[in-house]
PDB file of N, CA and C in Angstrom:
ATOM      1  N   MET A   1     -12.192  -8.002  25.633  1.00  0.00           N
ATOM      2  CA  MET A   1     -10.798  -9.015  26.136  1.00  0.00           C
ATOM      3  C   MET A   1      -9.988  -7.214  26.555  1.00  0.00           C
ATOM      4  N   SER A   2      -9.343  -7.849  28.303  1.00  0.00           N
ATOM      5  CA  SER A   2      -8.881  -6.702  28.646  1.00  0.00           C
ATOM      6  C   SER A   2      -7.306  -7.459  28.787  1.00  0.00           C
ATOM      7  N   PHE A   3      -6.450  -6.843  28.778  1.00  0.00           N
ATOM      8  CA  PHE A   3      -4.689  -7.209  28.996  1.00  0.00           C
ATOM      9  C   PHE A   3      -4.317  -6.904  29.881  1.00  0.00           C
ATOM     10  N   GLU A   4      -3.172  -7.623  30.926  1.00  0.00           N
ATOM     11  CA  GLU A   4      -2.198  -6.804  32.045  1.00  0.00           C
ATOM     12  C   GLU A   4      -1.502  -5.494  30.958  1.00  0.00           C
ATOM     13  N   SER A   5      -0.896  -6.341  30.643  1.00  0.00           N
ATOM     14  CA  SER A   5      -0.183  -4.720  30.077  1.00  0.00           C
ATOM     15  C   SER A   5      -0.350  -4.577  28.698  1.00  0.00           C
ATOM     16  N   PHE A   6       0.939  -3.732  28.253  1.00  0.00           N
ATOM     17  CA  PHE A   6       0.979  -3.550  26.644  1.00  0.00           C
ATOM     18  C   PHE A   6       1.367  -4.703  25.988  1.00  0.00           C
ATOM     19  N   SER A   7       2.327  -5.142  26.365  1.00  0.00           N
ATOM     20  CA  SER A   7       3.176  -6.446  26.239  1.00  0.00           C
ATOM     21  C   SER A   7       2.374  -7.652  25.924  1.00  0.00           C
ATOM     22  N   ASP A   8       1.458  -7.832  26.549  1.00  0.00           N
ATOM     23  CA  ASP A   8       0.021  -8.926  27.250  1.00  0.00           C
ATOM     24  C   ASP A   8      -0.595  -8.737  25.623  1.00  0.00           C
ATOM     25  N   PHE A   9      -1.038  -7.534  25.680  1.00  0.00           N
ATOM     26  CA  PHE A   9      -1.537  -6.833  24.423  1.00  0.00           C
ATOM     27  C   PHE A   9      -0.689  -7.338  22.721  1.00  0.00           C
ATOM     28  N   LEU A  10       0.025  -6.687  22.762  1.00  0.00           N
ATOM     29  CA  LEU A  10       0.942  -7.302  21.482  1.00  0.00           C
ATOM     30  C   LEU A  10       1.370  -8.738  21.397  1.00  0.00           C
ATOM     31  N   VAL A  11       1.055  -9.582  22.516  1.00  0.00           N
ATOM     32  CA  VAL A  11       1.359 -11.023  22.360  1.00  0.00           C
ATOM     33  C   VAL A  11       0.102 -11.746  22.296  1.00  0.00           C
ATOM     34  N   MET A  12      -0.893 -10.978  22.180  1.00  0.00           N
ATOM     35  CA  MET A  12      -2.476 -11.650  22.234  1.00  0.00           C
ATOM     36  C   MET A  12      -3.002 -12.815  22.474  1.00  0.00           C
ATOM     37  N   GLY A  13      -2.287 -13.260  24.077  1.00  0.00           N
ATOM     38  CA  GLY A  13      -2.451 -14.746  24.167  1.00  0.00           C
ATOM     39  C   GLY A  13      -1.730 -15.988  23.423  1.00  0.00           C
ATOM     40  N   LYS A  14      -0.238 -15.522  22.676  1.00  0.00           N
ATOM     41  CA  LYS A  14       0.250 -16.398  21.729  1.00  0.00           C
ATOM     42  C   LYS A  14       0.037 -16.413  19.836  1.00  0.00           C
ATOM     43  N   HIS A  15      -1.143 -15.389  19.748  1.00  0.00           N
ATOM     44  CA  HIS A  15      -1.622 -15.350  18.910  1.00  0.00           C
ATOM     45  C   HIS A  15      -0.943 -13.632  17.771  1.00  0.00           C
ATOM     46  N   GLY A  16      -0.208 -13.242  18.704  1.00  0.00           N
ATOM     47  CA  GLY A  16       0.137 -11.680  18.636  1.00  0.00           C
ATOM     48  C   GLY A  16       0.714 -11.764  16.878  1.00  0.00           C
ATOM     49  N   LEU A  17       1.512 -12.862  17.047  1.00  0.00           N
ATOM     50  CA  LEU A  17       2.283 -12.603  15.578  1.00  0.00           C
ATOM     51  C   LEU A  17       1.124 -13.314  14.374  1.00  0.00           C
ATOM     52  N   TYR A  18       0.392 -13.889  14.394  1.00  0.00           N
ATOM     53  CA  TYR A  18      -0.821 -13.930  13.426  1.00  0.00           C
ATOM     54  C   TYR A  18      -1.577 -12.746  13.203  1.00  0.00           C
ATOM     55  N   VAL A  19      -1.934 -12.246  14.494  1.00  0.00           N
ATOM     56  CA  VAL A  19      -2.419 -10.857  14.218  1.00  0.00           C
ATOM     57  C   VAL A  19      -2.181  -9.564  13.562  1.00  0.00           C
ATOM     58  N   TRP A  20      -0.846  -9.587  14.390  1.00  0.00           N
ATOM     59  CA  TRP A  20      -0.121  -8.116  13.669  1.00  0.00           C
ATOM     60  C   TRP A  20       0.057  -8.199  12.342  1.00  0.00           C
ATOM     61  N   SER A  21       0.957  -9.789  12.252  1.00  0.00           N
ATOM     62  CA  SER A  21       1.040 -10.119  10.691  1.00  0.00           C
ATOM     63  C   SER A  21      -0.638  -9.878   9.700  1.00  0.00           C
ATOM     64  N   ALA A  22      -1.610 -10.025   9.562  1.00  0.00           N
ATOM     65  CA  ALA A  22      -2.889  -9.738   9.196  1.00  0.00           C
ATOM     66  C   ALA A  22      -3.058  -8.634   9.023  1.00  0.00           C
ATOM     67  N   TYR A  23      -2.537  -7.736   9.656  1.00  0.00           N
ATOM     68  CA  TYR A  23      -2.937  -6.308  10.179  1.00  0.00           C
ATOM     69  C   TYR A  23      -1.924  -5.788   9.008  1.00  0.00           C
ATOM     70  N   GLY A  24      -0.367  -6.180   9.085  1.00  0.00           N
ATOM     71  CA  GLY A  24       0.180  -6.363   8.530  1.00  0.00           C
ATOM     72  C   GLY A  24      -0.419  -6.237   6.423  1.00  0.00           C
ATOM     73  N   ILE A  25      -0.155  -7.151   6.549  1.00  0.00           N
ATOM     74  CA  ILE A  25      -0.499  -7.692   5.196  1.00  0.00           C
ATOM     75  C   ILE A  25      -1.382  -6.696   4.956  1.00  0.00           C
ATOM     76  N   CYS A  26      -2.968  -6.725   5.144  1.00  0.00           N
ATOM     77  CA  CYS A  26      -4.009  -5.859   5.092  1.00  0.00           C
ATOM     78  C   CYS A  26      -3.445  -4.668   4.842  1.00  0.00           C
ATOM     79  N   PHE A  27      -2.763  -3.722   5.698  1.00  0.00           N
ATOM     80  CA  PHE A  27      -1.962  -1.955   5.255  1.00  0.00           C
ATOM     81  C   PHE A  27      -1.552  -2.652   3.795  1.00  0.00           C
ATOM     82  N   ILE A  28      -0.306  -3.426   3.360  1.00  0.00           N
ATOM     83  CA  ILE A  28      -0.152  -3.441   2.497  1.00  0.00           C
ATOM     84  C   ILE A  28      -0.918  -3.534   0.893  1.00  0.00           C
ATOM     85  N   VAL A  29      -1.319  -4.303   1.114  1.00  0.00           N
ATOM     86  CA  VAL A  29      -2.638  -4.420   0.382  1.00  0.00           C
ATOM     87  C   VAL A  29      -3.650  -2.913  -0.301  1.00  0.00           C
ATOM     88  N   LEU A  30      -3.688  -2.279   1.090  1.00  0.00           N
ATOM     89  CA  LEU A  30      -4.526  -1.358   1.081  1.00  0.00           C
ATOM     90  C   LEU A  30      -3.691  -0.221   0.292  1.00  0.00           C
ATOM     91  N   ALA A  31      -2.368   0.153   1.145  1.00  0.00           N
ATOM     92  CA  ALA A  31      -1.449   0.815  -0.064  1.00  0.00           C
ATOM     93  C   ALA A  31      -0.781   0.291  -1.083  1.00  0.00           C
ATOM     94  N   ILE A  32      -0.964  -0.816  -1.326  1.00  0.00           N
ATOM     95  CA  ILE A  32      -0.932  -0.674  -3.407  1.00  0.00           C
ATOM     96  C   ILE A  32      -2.470  -0.533  -3.888  1.00  0.00           C
ATOM     97  N   ASN A  33      -3.825  -0.502  -3.274  1.00  0.00           N
ATOM     98  CA  ASN A  33      -4.406  -0.445  -3.938  1.00  0.00           C
ATOM     99  C   ASN A  33      -4.495   1.320  -4.176  1.00  0.00           C
ATOM    100  N   VAL A  34      -4.142   2.141  -3.163  1.00  0.00           N
ATOM    101  CA  VAL A  34      -4.097   3.819  -2.889  1.00  0.00           C
ATOM    102  C   VAL A  34      -3.082   3.899  -4.248  1.00  0.00           C
ATOM    103  N   LEU A  35      -1.840   3.777  -3.935  1.00  0.00           N
ATOM    104  CA  LEU A  35      -0.967   3.817  -4.731  1.00  0.00           C
ATOM    105  C   LEU A  35      -0.780   3.508  -6.228  1.00  0.00           C
ATOM    106  N   THR A  36      -1.377   2.274  -6.790  1.00  0.00           N
ATOM    107  CA  THR A  36      -1.268   1.716  -8.452  1.00  0.00           C
ATOM    108  C   THR A  36      -1.746   2.720  -9.463  1.00  0.00           C
ATOM    109  N   PRO A  37      -2.965   2.877  -8.920  1.00  0.00           N
ATOM    110  CA  PRO A  37      -3.657   4.150  -9.856  1.00  0.00           C
ATOM    111  C   PRO A  37      -3.349   5.495  -9.921  1.00  0.00           C
ATOM    112  N   PHE A  38      -2.419   5.670  -8.779  1.00  0.00           N
ATOM    113  CA  PHE A  38      -1.373   7.094  -8.880  1.00  0.00           C
ATOM    114  C   PHE A  38      -0.221   6.999  -9.530  1.00  0.00           C
ATOM    115  N   PHE A  39       0.088   5.959  -8.872  1.00  0.00           N
ATOM    116  CA  PHE A  39       1.636   6.015 -10.696  1.00  0.00           C
ATOM    117  C   PHE A  39       1.175   5.217 -11.838  1.00  0.00           C
ATOM    118  N   ALA A  40       0.050   4.866 -12.472  1.00  0.00           N
ATOM    119  CA  ALA A  40      -0.472   4.488 -13.467  1.00  0.00           C
ATOM    120  C   ALA A  40      -0.930   5.666 -14.188  1.00  0.00           C
ATOM    121  N   ARG A  41      -1.847   6.658 -14.010  1.00  0.00           N
ATOM    122  CA  ARG A  41      -1.739   7.791 -14.313  1.00  0.00           C
ATOM    123  C   ARG A  41      -1.106   8.878 -14.379  1.00  0.00           C
ATOM    124  N   ARG A  42       0.571   8.963 -13.597  1.00  0.00           N
ATOM    125  CA  ARG A  42       1.509   9.700 -13.764  1.00  0.00           C
ATOM    126  C   ARG A  42       1.970   8.910 -14.974  1.00  0.00           C
ATOM    127  N   ARG A  43       1.986   7.798 -15.093  1.00  0.00           N
ATOM    128  CA  ARG A  43       2.912   7.357 -15.882  1.00  0.00           C
ATOM    129  C   ARG A  43       1.941   7.322 -17.559  1.00  0.00           C
ATOM    130  N   TYR A  44       1.101   7.043 -17.098  1.00  0.00           N
ATOM    131  CA  TYR A  44       0.005   7.728 -18.614  1.00  0.00           C
ATOM    132  C   TYR A  44       0.607   9.007 -19.228  1.00  0.00           C
ATOM    133  N   LEU A  45       0.218  10.081 -18.325  1.00  0.00           N
ATOM    134  CA  LEU A  45       0.694  11.244 -18.616  1.00  0.00           C
ATOM    135  C   LEU A  45       1.927  11.538 -18.992  1.00  0.00           C
ATOM    136  N   GLN A  46       2.917  11.032 -18.600  1.00  0.00           N
ATOM    137  CA  GLN A  46       4.280  10.907 -19.296  1.00  0.00           C
ATOM    138  C   GLN A  46       4.092  10.240 -20.649  1.00  0.00           C
ATOM    139  N   GLN A  47       3.508   9.395 -20.587  1.00  0.00           N
ATOM    140  CA  GLN A  47       3.376   8.789 -22.195  1.00  0.00           C
ATOM    141  C   GLN A  47       2.444   9.668 -22.999  1.00  0.00           C
ATOM    142  N   GLU A  48       1.838   9.995 -22.623  1.00  0.00           N
ATOM    143  CA  GLU A  48       1.197  11.199 -23.892  1.00  0.00           C
ATOM    144  C   GLU A  48       1.954  12.330 -23.685  1.00  0.00           C
ATOM    145  N   ALA A  49       2.496  12.880 -22.976  1.00  0.00           N
ATOM    146  CA  ALA A  49       3.837  13.996 -23.255  1.00  0.00           C
ATOM    147  C   ALA A  49       4.361  13.686 -23.632  1.00  0.00           C
ATOM    148  N   ARG A  50       4.555  12.596 -24.203  1.00  0.00           N
ATOM    149  CA  ARG A  50       6.642  11.802 -24.978  1.00  0.00           C
ATOM    150  C   ARG A  50       5.387  11.862 -26.558  1.00  0.00           C
ATOM    151  N   ARG A  51       4.497  10.711 -26.237  1.00  0.00           N
ATOM    152  CA  ARG A  51       3.282  10.918 -28.422  1.00  0.00           C
ATOM    153  C   ARG A  51       3.114  12.432 -28.567  1.00  0.00           C
ATOM    154  N   LEU A  52       2.886  13.421 -27.758  1.00  0.00           N
ATOM    155  CA  LEU A  52       2.448  14.998 -28.131  1.00  0.00           C
ATOM    156  C   LEU A  52       4.045  15.674 -28.754  1.00  0.00           C
ATOM    157  N   ARG A  53       4.980  15.485 -28.144  1.00  0.00           N
ATOM    158  CA  ARG A  53       5.863  15.734 -28.137  1.00  0.00           C
ATOM    159  C   ARG A  53       6.484  15.214 -30.099  1.00  0.00           C
ATOM    160  N   ARG A  54       6.247  13.913 -29.922  1.00  0.00           N
ATOM    161  CA  ARG A  54       7.160  13.366 -31.281  1.00  0.00           C
ATOM    162  C   ARG A  54       5.879  14.004 -32.445  1.00  0.00           C
ATOM    163  N   GLU A  55       4.814  14.115 -32.189  1.00  0.00           N
ATOM    164  CA  GLU A  55       3.568  14.600 -33.123  1.00  0.00           C
ATOM    165  C   GLU A  55       3.576  15.666 -33.469  1.00  0.00           C
ATOM    166  N   SER A  56       4.043  16.354 -32.511  1.00  0.00           N
ATOM    167  CA  SER A  56       4.646  17.680 -32.894  1.00  0.00           C
ATOM    168  C   SER A  56       5.891  18.162 -33.751  1.00  0.00           C
ATOM    169  N   ILE A  57       7.069  17.377 -33.675  1.00  0.00           N
ATOM    170  CA  ILE A  57       7.863  17.464 -34.059  1.00  0.00           C
ATOM    171  C   ILE A  57       7.873  16.787 -35.878  1.00  0.00           C
ATOM    172  N   THR A  58       7.135  15.522 -36.070  1.00  0.00           N
ATOM    173  CA  THR A  58       6.881  15.044 -37.733  1.00  0.00           C
ATOM    174  C   THR A  58       6.020  16.193 -38.122  1.00  0.00           C
TER     175      THR A  58
END
């Protein structure tokens, strides 16, 4: 499929809103899938550090 101009490419024959929102949702889901384990690991390490400090005090 070829387009006359960049604006035609963005509109995609009146389907642009659906197409670009689908790409956006896909990007958001992928970002969540990448960032969630990172933050979970960080939270786990902080909790373990707190637990170790608590155990070393008593």
